[in-house]
Amino acid sequence: MRAPKPLPTLGLARASDMLLKCPRCRTPHEISEELEGAQFECSRCGSLFRSRRVGSPGGGKDLAAGLVGIASLVFLLLVLVLFAMRIVRSGREAPPGSPPPARAAPAAPAPGSAGPDRELVKATAAFVANVDAFNREALDRSIAFPRWYEEEGKREGKERPAYLSLAEGERAAWREALLKSLLSGKRRSELAGSDATGGAVESLGPSDARVRLDLLPRAGGEPRVEVFHLAAEEGGAWKVFAFEALVREPEKPPRLEGKKGKEPDPVRLTDGSIALEGTVEPKGHLRDTPPELQRRIDTLVAVLADPTKTKEVARARRDLVQIGRPAIPRLLNALATIPLGTEENDVVLNLVSETLTDITGYTTSFAPIAGEGSMMATSEERRRSGLRQWFGWWDRNAATFTTRPEDPDAQDPFGTGRPKRPPSKRP
């Protein structure tokens, strides 16, 4: 170890000498050029250091080596991150033969129910939409699994242990089998490919509800009705635990006598008026109505039956009147499926009845208010008879009606279905 000779001044050094400074106290020293790279001790502060020519590029070699090392480390980390992302992505890919991934369920159309029952109908329509969209996660949240397990055992007539007494693995296996049947099995075929166009709550208890839903196949065909059973769980959420198709006898065509339908026997009401009534029952589309027009009609009727869409109601009513005859059965269907008795439902039923009058020129004794003392009010008997009169009119005129008559005032206001005779002209 050598002690370099300190420089009293910073004057010019000899050509054979080199100048270096102590890295600690910055004292300049002069050493021979042959000793470059040797270790020295500062004569002032005693620090040890190796000699480097002041301003020589050799002093930056360590820094450059450090930067290269950092860059290499960053590159290695980047490669590891990309490799990990590729592994995660490949792990998420579905194996061959698995059902397609869940896609967002389309917004269910607003069914044609009104009043507080509307939320139950919307929840049921969302269940159908989740089945159709393969939305497994949302479907899992909308099923009352214990009640479904219990109801399934009753329908099969088999004795089975209680749901809560099953081991966790058994419950998980049963839930998985149920979801699989809804997403890819026979149960899926009963609901998928259809849109909910209307519905109503048929019964409602503290913890159980029965909801009817009208389904229209998107590929065309006859509409069908499914009945869903819902249970109220903790927190107030309603969840599905069973459903089945509502089977009805095929609708009988109107009985004809020549070109006119057979007229039923008149019904005398307690106020002495005479009415021709029919059976109130749900109606499907006419057989010759194209699928595109069927969907449009059902959408317009749903708007007409929605008391929250006040701005769209007038346009929907005008469009239904323009469509004319093909819209009549679905308007009758609304009369058959919307319960009479609440203020909101009575307003909706009156809108439907007025739309039918705009299309047909026919009037009945239906009024939106039960009571006396107002032109908008009538007795409860005449209100209910007015709904039945619409179905009696359709039974008599379904085969022959095309468009509204030129003189709508000629229609019998008492529901007989016979036009009034014009007054005879006397000479």
Protein backbone atom coordinates (compact mmCIF):
# COMPACT_ATOMS: atom_id res chain seq x y z
CA MET A 1 0.00 0.00 0.00
CA ARG A 2 1.42 3.34 -0.94
CA ALA A 3 0.69 6.82 0.17
CA PRO A 4 0.50 9.12 -2.80
CA LYS A 5 2.22 12.39 -2.71
CA PRO A 6 -0.24 15.20 -1.94
CA LEU A 7 -0.18 18.22 -4.18
CA PRO A 8 0.10 21.53 -2.40
CA THR A 9 -1.31 23.29 -5.46
CA LEU A 10 -3.25 22.28 -8.55
CA GLY A 11 -0.52 23.22 -10.95
CA LEU A 12 0.41 21.31 -14.11
CA ALA A 13 1.69 17.77 -13.57
CA ARG A 14 4.49 16.12 -15.44
CA ALA A 15 3.71 14.16 -18.55
CA SER A 16 4.66 10.92 -16.81
CA ASP A 17 2.48 11.65 -13.78
CA MET A 18 -1.26 11.34 -13.33
CA LEU A 19 -3.64 13.25 -11.06
CA LEU A 20 -6.14 11.59 -8.75
CA LYS A 21 -8.36 12.77 -5.90
CA CYS A 22 -9.36 11.10 -2.67
CA PRO A 23 -13.04 10.07 -3.03
CA ARG A 24 -13.71 11.07 0.59
CA CYS A 25 -11.95 14.38 1.23
CA ARG A 26 -11.29 15.29 -2.41
CA THR A 27 -7.58 15.99 -1.71
CA PRO A 28 -5.62 15.95 -5.00
CA HIS A 29 -2.62 13.61 -5.28
CA GLU A 30 0.06 13.03 -7.89
CA ILE A 31 1.30 9.51 -8.72
CA SER A 32 3.33 7.94 -11.44
CA GLU A 33 1.37 6.74 -14.45
CA GLU A 34 2.76 3.22 -14.06
CA LEU A 35 0.90 2.88 -10.71
CA GLU A 36 -2.56 3.35 -12.21
CA GLY A 37 -4.91 0.82 -10.66
CA ALA A 38 -2.86 0.30 -7.51
CA GLN A 39 -4.39 0.75 -4.03
CA PHE A 40 -3.43 3.87 -2.09
CA GLU A 41 -4.04 5.47 1.27
CA CYS A 42 -4.92 9.15 1.45
CA SER A 43 -2.23 11.06 3.31
CA ARG A 44 -4.81 13.44 4.75
CA CYS A 45 -7.85 11.34 5.86
CA GLY A 46 -6.44 7.80 5.66
CA SER A 47 -9.11 6.50 3.24
CA LEU A 48 -8.20 3.58 0.96
CA PHE A 49 -8.92 3.84 -2.74
CA ARG A 50 -7.68 2.68 -6.10
CA SER A 51 -6.14 5.11 -8.49
CA ARG A 52 -8.18 6.26 -11.46
CA ARG A 53 -7.16 8.91 -13.91
CA VAL A 54 -9.32 11.97 -13.33
CA GLY A 55 -11.84 12.24 -16.17
CA SER A 56 -10.86 8.83 -17.66
CA PRO A 57 -13.68 6.63 -19.04
CA GLY A 58 -12.60 3.80 -16.83
CA GLY A 59 -14.39 5.40 -13.88
CA GLY A 60 -17.81 4.69 -15.48
CA LYS A 61 -17.29 1.00 -16.10
CA ASP A 62 -18.84 -0.04 -12.79
CA LEU A 63 -21.89 2.16 -13.40
CA ALA A 64 -22.36 0.76 -16.90
CA ALA A 65 -22.11 -2.78 -15.58
CA GLY A 66 -24.76 -1.98 -12.96
CA LEU A 67 -27.15 -0.57 -15.55
CA VAL A 68 -26.74 -3.64 -17.73
CA GLY A 69 -27.56 -5.87 -14.77
CA ILE A 70 -30.71 -3.89 -13.93
CA ALA A 71 -31.87 -4.01 -17.54
CA SER A 72 -31.36 -7.78 -17.63
CA LEU A 73 -33.38 -8.20 -14.43
CA VAL A 74 -36.27 -6.11 -15.78
CA PHE A 75 -36.33 -8.12 -19.02
CA LEU A 76 -36.39 -11.39 -17.08
CA LEU A 77 -39.31 -10.18 -14.93
CA LEU A 78 -41.23 -9.12 -18.05
CA VAL A 79 -40.78 -12.57 -19.60
CA LEU A 80 -42.03 -14.24 -16.39
CA VAL A 81 -45.14 -12.00 -16.26
CA LEU A 82 -46.05 -12.76 -19.88
CA PHE A 83 -45.57 -16.48 -19.28
CA ALA A 84 -47.83 -16.38 -16.19
CA MET A 85 -50.56 -14.51 -18.11
CA ARG A 86 -50.50 -17.14 -20.82
CA ILE A 87 -50.93 -19.93 -18.26
CA VAL A 88 -53.91 -18.16 -16.62
CA ARG A 89 -55.57 -17.54 -20.00
CA SER A 90 -55.17 -21.15 -21.09
CA GLY A 91 -56.64 -22.32 -17.79
CA ARG A 92 -59.81 -20.33 -18.40
CA GLU A 93 -60.50 -21.88 -21.78
CA ALA A 94 -63.42 -24.29 -21.66
CA PRO A 95 -62.62 -27.94 -22.39
CA PRO A 96 -63.97 -29.49 -25.60
CA GLY A 97 -67.67 -30.35 -25.45
CA SER A 98 -68.48 -27.96 -22.61
CA PRO A 99 -71.41 -25.53 -22.95
CA PRO A 100 -70.64 -22.09 -24.32
CA PRO A 101 -69.52 -19.46 -21.80
CA ALA A 102 -72.13 -17.39 -20.06
CA ARG A 103 -73.11 -14.26 -21.88
CA ALA A 104 -74.96 -11.32 -20.51
CA ALA A 105 -78.69 -12.03 -20.33
CA PRO A 106 -80.73 -9.75 -22.58
CA ALA A 107 -82.98 -7.31 -20.90
CA ALA A 108 -86.25 -9.12 -20.35
CA PRO A 109 -89.19 -7.36 -21.97
CA ALA A 110 -91.59 -5.76 -19.54
CA PRO A 111 -94.39 -8.31 -19.08
CA GLY A 112 -97.94 -7.13 -19.25
CA SER A 113 -98.78 -7.25 -15.58
CA ALA A 114 -99.51 -4.23 -13.49
CA GLY A 115 -99.41 -3.26 -9.84
CA PRO A 116 -97.23 -4.74 -7.08
CA ASP A 117 -97.21 -8.16 -8.77
CA ARG A 118 -95.00 -6.76 -11.54
CA GLU A 119 -91.70 -7.41 -9.69
CA LEU A 120 -92.52 -11.12 -9.32
CA VAL A 121 -93.26 -11.40 -13.03
CA LYS A 122 -90.01 -9.59 -13.88
CA ALA A 123 -88.01 -11.91 -11.59
CA THR A 124 -89.55 -14.93 -13.32
CA ALA A 125 -88.80 -13.49 -16.78
CA ALA A 126 -85.18 -12.92 -15.68
CA PHE A 127 -84.92 -16.62 -14.70
CA VAL A 128 -85.99 -17.61 -18.24
CA ALA A 129 -83.56 -15.10 -19.78
CA ASN A 130 -80.66 -16.50 -17.70
CA VAL A 131 -81.42 -20.05 -18.86
CA ASP A 132 -81.51 -18.83 -22.46
CA ALA A 133 -78.21 -16.92 -22.06
CA PHE A 134 -76.24 -19.74 -20.31
CA ASN A 135 -75.77 -17.34 -17.37
CA ARG A 136 -74.82 -19.94 -14.78
CA GLU A 137 -73.83 -17.49 -12.04
CA ALA A 138 -77.09 -15.52 -12.17
CA LEU A 139 -79.09 -18.74 -12.49
CA ASP A 140 -77.47 -20.16 -9.35
CA ARG A 141 -78.61 -17.07 -7.43
CA SER A 142 -82.22 -17.33 -8.67
CA ILE A 143 -83.01 -20.91 -7.58
CA ALA A 144 -84.42 -21.99 -4.21
CA PHE A 145 -82.43 -25.24 -4.09
CA PRO A 146 -83.88 -26.74 -0.86
CA ARG A 147 -87.46 -26.18 -2.05
CA TRP A 148 -86.66 -27.49 -5.55
CA TYR A 149 -85.19 -30.66 -4.01
CA GLU A 150 -88.29 -31.12 -1.86
CA GLU A 151 -90.73 -30.41 -4.71
CA GLU A 152 -88.88 -32.78 -7.07
CA GLY A 153 -89.21 -35.60 -4.55
CA LYS A 154 -92.95 -34.99 -4.22
CA ARG A 155 -93.54 -35.00 -7.98
CA GLU A 156 -91.53 -38.19 -8.47
CA GLY A 157 -93.30 -39.88 -5.55
CA LYS A 158 -90.00 -40.94 -4.04
CA GLU A 159 -88.98 -40.85 -0.42
CA ARG A 160 -85.69 -39.04 -0.04
CA PRO A 161 -83.77 -37.64 2.92
CA ALA A 162 -84.19 -33.99 3.82
CA TYR A 163 -82.01 -31.58 1.87
CA LEU A 164 -80.19 -30.27 4.95
CA SER A 165 -79.44 -33.82 6.13
CA LEU A 166 -77.38 -34.51 2.99
CA ALA A 167 -73.62 -34.30 3.16
CA GLU A 168 -72.07 -31.19 1.66
CA GLY A 169 -70.70 -33.21 -1.25
CA GLU A 170 -74.13 -34.74 -1.98
CA ARG A 171 -75.81 -31.34 -1.95
CA ALA A 172 -73.16 -29.92 -4.27
CA ALA A 173 -73.55 -32.85 -6.69
CA TRP A 174 -77.35 -32.46 -6.78
CA ARG A 175 -77.12 -28.71 -7.35
CA GLU A 176 -74.63 -29.27 -10.17
CA ALA A 177 -76.94 -31.82 -11.84
CA LEU A 178 -79.88 -29.39 -11.63
CA LEU A 179 -77.91 -26.51 -13.15
CA LYS A 180 -76.63 -28.81 -15.89
CA SER A 181 -80.17 -29.86 -16.80
CA LEU A 182 -81.23 -26.20 -17.01
CA LEU A 183 -78.26 -25.20 -19.15
CA SER A 184 -77.98 -28.19 -21.47
CA GLY A 185 -80.68 -30.76 -20.72
CA LYS A 186 -84.39 -31.23 -21.32
CA ARG A 187 -85.39 -28.44 -18.97
CA ARG A 188 -83.42 -25.97 -21.09
CA SER A 189 -85.32 -26.95 -24.23
CA GLU A 190 -88.57 -25.96 -22.50
CA LEU A 191 -87.43 -22.36 -21.91
CA ALA A 192 -84.57 -21.44 -24.26
CA GLY A 193 -85.22 -19.64 -27.52
CA SER A 194 -88.28 -17.79 -26.24
CA ASP A 195 -89.04 -14.27 -25.06
CA ALA A 196 -91.37 -13.43 -22.19
CA THR A 197 -94.18 -11.26 -23.58
CA GLY A 198 -96.53 -11.11 -20.62
CA GLY A 199 -97.47 -12.67 -17.35
CA ALA A 200 -99.38 -12.40 -14.10
CA VAL A 201 -99.25 -13.59 -10.51
CA GLU A 202 -101.92 -16.25 -10.14
CA SER A 203 -101.53 -16.74 -6.40
CA LEU A 204 -99.45 -15.09 -3.70
CA GLY A 205 -98.86 -16.16 -0.12
CA PRO A 206 -96.45 -15.13 2.64
CA SER A 207 -93.71 -17.44 1.34
CA ASP A 208 -95.01 -18.92 -1.93
CA ALA A 209 -96.11 -17.50 -5.26
CA ARG A 210 -97.42 -18.93 -8.51
CA VAL A 211 -96.55 -16.90 -11.61
CA ARG A 212 -97.82 -17.46 -15.15
CA LEU A 213 -95.50 -16.36 -17.97
CA ASP A 214 -96.38 -16.05 -21.66
CA LEU A 215 -93.48 -17.21 -23.87
CA LEU A 216 -93.14 -16.52 -27.59
CA PRO A 217 -90.61 -18.64 -29.59
CA ARG A 218 -88.20 -16.38 -31.50
CA ALA A 219 -88.08 -18.86 -34.38
CA GLY A 220 -91.85 -18.62 -34.83
CA GLY A 221 -94.63 -20.94 -33.82
CA GLU A 222 -97.44 -20.95 -31.33
CA PRO A 223 -96.96 -19.09 -28.03
CA ARG A 224 -97.06 -21.16 -24.88
CA VAL A 225 -97.62 -20.57 -21.19
CA GLU A 226 -95.35 -21.77 -18.39
CA VAL A 227 -96.29 -21.70 -14.71
CA PHE A 228 -93.48 -21.00 -12.23
CA HIS A 229 -93.47 -21.58 -8.48
CA LEU A 230 -91.41 -19.19 -6.38
CA ALA A 231 -90.40 -19.19 -2.72
CA ALA A 232 -89.47 -16.22 -0.56
CA GLU A 233 -86.09 -16.66 1.13
CA GLU A 234 -84.35 -14.63 3.81
CA GLY A 235 -83.88 -11.04 2.79
CA GLY A 236 -87.11 -10.98 0.76
CA ALA A 237 -85.66 -12.43 -2.46
CA TRP A 238 -88.06 -14.57 -4.51
CA LYS A 239 -86.48 -17.64 -6.12
CA VAL A 240 -87.83 -20.32 -8.47
CA PHE A 241 -88.27 -23.89 -7.23
CA ALA A 242 -90.41 -25.47 -9.99
CA PHE A 243 -92.03 -24.80 -13.33
CA GLU A 244 -94.24 -26.65 -15.78
CA ALA A 245 -96.08 -26.01 -19.02
CA LEU A 246 -99.69 -24.94 -18.68
CA VAL A 247 -101.63 -27.45 -20.74
CA ARG A 248 -104.98 -26.31 -22.08
CA GLU A 249 -107.41 -27.87 -24.45
CA PRO A 250 -106.97 -26.60 -28.00
CA GLU A 251 -108.98 -23.49 -28.66
CA LYS A 252 -112.21 -24.39 -30.43
CA PRO A 253 -112.87 -22.54 -33.66
CA PRO A 254 -116.04 -20.46 -33.68
CA ARG A 255 -119.12 -22.39 -34.66
CA LEU A 256 -120.44 -21.17 -37.97
CA GLU A 257 -123.85 -21.08 -39.53
CA GLY A 258 -123.18 -20.25 -43.13
CA LYS A 259 -121.01 -17.13 -43.00
CA LYS A 260 -122.00 -16.06 -39.49
CA GLY A 261 -121.03 -17.54 -36.17
CA LYS A 262 -123.69 -19.07 -34.00
CA GLU A 263 -125.03 -16.56 -31.56
CA PRO A 264 -125.19 -17.61 -27.89
CA ASP A 265 -128.26 -17.26 -25.76
CA PRO A 266 -128.71 -13.70 -24.43
CA VAL A 267 -127.91 -13.04 -20.76
CA ARG A 268 -130.19 -10.72 -18.81
CA LEU A 269 -128.38 -8.63 -16.17
CA THR A 270 -129.98 -7.54 -12.92
CA ASP A 271 -130.58 -4.03 -14.28
CA GLY A 272 -132.66 -5.56 -17.10
CA SER A 273 -130.10 -5.10 -19.91
CA ILE A 274 -129.34 -7.90 -22.35
CA ALA A 275 -125.81 -9.04 -23.21
CA LEU A 276 -124.16 -11.71 -25.34
CA GLU A 277 -121.24 -13.10 -23.38
CA GLY A 278 -118.43 -15.52 -24.09
CA THR A 279 -115.89 -17.46 -22.03
CA VAL A 280 -112.95 -15.37 -20.80
CA GLU A 281 -109.78 -17.32 -21.65
CA PRO A 282 -106.24 -16.59 -22.93
CA LYS A 283 -105.88 -16.19 -26.69
CA GLY A 284 -102.92 -16.94 -28.95
CA HIS A 285 -102.05 -15.32 -32.25
CA LEU A 286 -103.98 -15.96 -35.42
CA ARG A 287 -102.44 -18.76 -37.45
CA ASP A 288 -101.75 -16.51 -40.43
CA THR A 289 -99.91 -13.82 -38.41
CA PRO A 290 -96.18 -13.77 -39.37
CA PRO A 291 -93.68 -14.29 -36.50
CA GLU A 292 -92.24 -10.79 -36.90
CA LEU A 293 -95.70 -9.25 -36.56
CA GLN A 294 -96.46 -11.53 -33.59
CA ARG A 295 -93.44 -10.17 -31.73
CA ARG A 296 -94.36 -6.58 -32.58
CA ILE A 297 -97.94 -7.05 -31.38
CA ASP A 298 -96.82 -8.61 -28.10
CA THR A 299 -94.36 -5.76 -27.51
CA LEU A 300 -97.04 -3.13 -28.14
CA VAL A 301 -99.57 -4.90 -25.88
CA ALA A 302 -96.91 -5.08 -23.12
CA VAL A 303 -96.39 -1.31 -23.42
CA LEU A 304 -100.16 -0.72 -23.31
CA ALA A 305 -100.37 -2.85 -20.16
CA ASP A 306 -97.50 -1.05 -18.41
CA PRO A 307 -98.82 1.88 -16.30
CA THR A 308 -95.30 3.32 -15.95
CA LYS A 309 -94.89 3.96 -19.68
CA THR A 310 -97.33 6.84 -19.96
CA LYS A 311 -95.54 8.51 -22.88
CA GLU A 312 -95.39 5.36 -25.02
CA VAL A 313 -98.99 4.22 -24.42
CA ALA A 314 -100.61 6.57 -26.97
CA ARG A 315 -98.17 5.50 -29.70
CA ALA A 316 -98.61 1.79 -28.88
CA ARG A 317 -102.40 2.18 -28.99
CA ARG A 318 -102.23 3.94 -32.37
CA ASP A 319 -99.94 1.24 -33.80
CA LEU A 320 -102.24 -1.56 -32.58
CA VAL A 321 -105.23 0.12 -34.23
CA GLN A 322 -103.23 0.33 -37.47
CA ILE A 323 -102.41 -3.39 -37.27
CA GLY A 324 -106.09 -4.14 -36.77
CA ARG A 325 -107.46 -7.69 -36.85
CA PRO A 326 -104.18 -9.59 -36.06
CA ALA A 327 -103.87 -7.63 -32.78
CA ILE A 328 -107.36 -8.53 -31.48
CA PRO A 329 -106.56 -12.01 -29.98
CA ARG A 330 -103.59 -10.68 -27.97
CA LEU A 331 -105.62 -7.72 -26.69
CA LEU A 332 -108.27 -10.24 -25.60
CA ASN A 333 -105.48 -12.22 -23.97
CA ALA A 334 -104.63 -9.13 -21.89
CA LEU A 335 -108.27 -8.88 -20.78
CA ALA A 336 -108.14 -12.54 -19.73
CA THR A 337 -104.83 -12.42 -17.83
CA ILE A 338 -104.83 -9.03 -16.05
CA PRO A 339 -106.86 -9.36 -12.82
CA LEU A 340 -109.76 -6.98 -12.34
CA GLY A 341 -110.01 -5.17 -9.02
CA THR A 342 -107.03 -2.86 -8.45
CA GLU A 343 -106.97 0.75 -9.58
CA GLU A 344 -103.91 0.28 -11.83
CA ASN A 345 -105.26 -2.90 -13.41
CA ASP A 346 -108.67 -1.32 -14.03
CA VAL A 347 -107.02 1.57 -15.89
CA VAL A 348 -105.01 -0.89 -18.01
CA LEU A 349 -108.11 -2.99 -18.78
CA ASN A 350 -109.99 0.14 -19.82
CA LEU A 351 -107.13 1.09 -22.21
CA VAL A 352 -107.25 -2.40 -23.75
CA SER A 353 -111.04 -2.26 -24.08
CA GLU A 354 -110.90 1.18 -25.74
CA THR A 355 -108.21 -0.03 -28.16
CA LEU A 356 -110.45 -2.96 -29.13
CA THR A 357 -113.29 -0.49 -29.71
CA ASP A 358 -111.02 1.63 -31.94
CA ILE A 359 -110.21 -1.47 -34.01
CA THR A 360 -113.67 -3.03 -34.20
CA GLY A 361 -116.17 -0.21 -33.65
CA TYR A 362 -117.84 -2.43 -31.03
CA THR A 363 -118.59 -1.31 -27.48
CA THR A 364 -119.39 -3.22 -24.30
CA SER A 365 -120.66 -2.29 -20.86
CA PHE A 366 -117.17 -2.29 -19.34
CA ALA A 367 -116.13 0.83 -17.38
CA PRO A 368 -112.95 1.55 -15.40
CA ILE A 369 -114.79 2.45 -12.18
CA ALA A 370 -117.33 0.47 -10.20
CA GLY A 371 -120.02 2.67 -8.71
CA GLU A 372 -122.64 5.23 -9.57
CA GLY A 373 -122.79 8.94 -10.25
CA SER A 374 -120.15 9.17 -12.99
CA MET A 375 -120.08 8.52 -16.71
CA MET A 376 -116.90 6.50 -16.12
CA ALA A 377 -118.60 4.28 -13.53
CA THR A 378 -120.96 1.35 -13.73
CA SER A 379 -121.98 -1.58 -11.59
CA GLU A 380 -119.48 -4.35 -10.88
CA GLU A 381 -121.82 -6.82 -12.62
CA ARG A 382 -121.83 -4.78 -15.84
CA ARG A 383 -118.05 -4.31 -15.67
CA ARG A 384 -117.41 -8.03 -15.53
CA SER A 385 -120.05 -8.68 -18.13
CA GLY A 386 -118.35 -6.13 -20.38
CA LEU A 387 -115.17 -8.25 -20.41
CA ARG A 388 -117.16 -11.37 -21.25
CA GLN A 389 -118.97 -9.48 -24.01
CA TRP A 390 -115.67 -8.94 -25.81
CA PHE A 391 -115.05 -12.70 -25.91
CA GLY A 392 -118.62 -13.34 -27.05
CA TRP A 393 -118.15 -10.82 -29.87
CA TRP A 394 -114.92 -12.53 -31.00
CA ASP A 395 -116.55 -15.98 -30.92
CA ARG A 396 -119.22 -14.69 -33.28
CA ASN A 397 -117.02 -12.59 -35.58
CA ALA A 398 -113.54 -14.16 -35.64
CA ALA A 399 -114.17 -15.86 -38.98
CA THR A 400 -115.72 -12.86 -40.73
CA PHE A 401 -114.33 -9.66 -39.22
CA THR A 402 -111.80 -7.78 -41.36
CA THR A 403 -111.96 -4.06 -40.61
CA ARG A 404 -113.98 -1.61 -38.56
CA PRO A 405 -117.39 -0.85 -40.09
CA GLU A 406 -117.94 2.56 -41.61
CA ASP A 407 -120.73 3.33 -39.15
CA PRO A 408 -119.48 2.30 -35.69
CA ASP A 409 -122.57 3.82 -34.08
CA ALA A 410 -124.58 1.04 -35.69
CA GLN A 411 -123.05 -1.41 -33.17
CA ASP A 412 -125.41 -2.49 -30.42
CA PRO A 413 -124.25 -0.95 -27.09
CA PHE A 414 -126.00 -3.74 -25.17
CA GLY A 415 -123.71 -6.40 -26.59
CA THR A 416 -126.13 -8.24 -28.85
CA GLY A 417 -123.70 -7.94 -31.76
CA ARG A 418 -126.46 -6.94 -34.21
CA PRO A 419 -126.16 -3.61 -35.99
CA LYS A 420 -128.99 -1.22 -35.43
CA ARG A 421 -131.36 -0.81 -38.31
CA PRO A 422 -131.31 2.63 -39.90
CA PRO A 423 -134.56 4.55 -39.47
CA SER A 424 -137.01 3.89 -42.24
CA LYS A 425 -137.69 6.69 -44.67
CA ARG A 426 -141.31 7.71 -44.82
CA PRO A 427 -142.69 9.20 -47.99
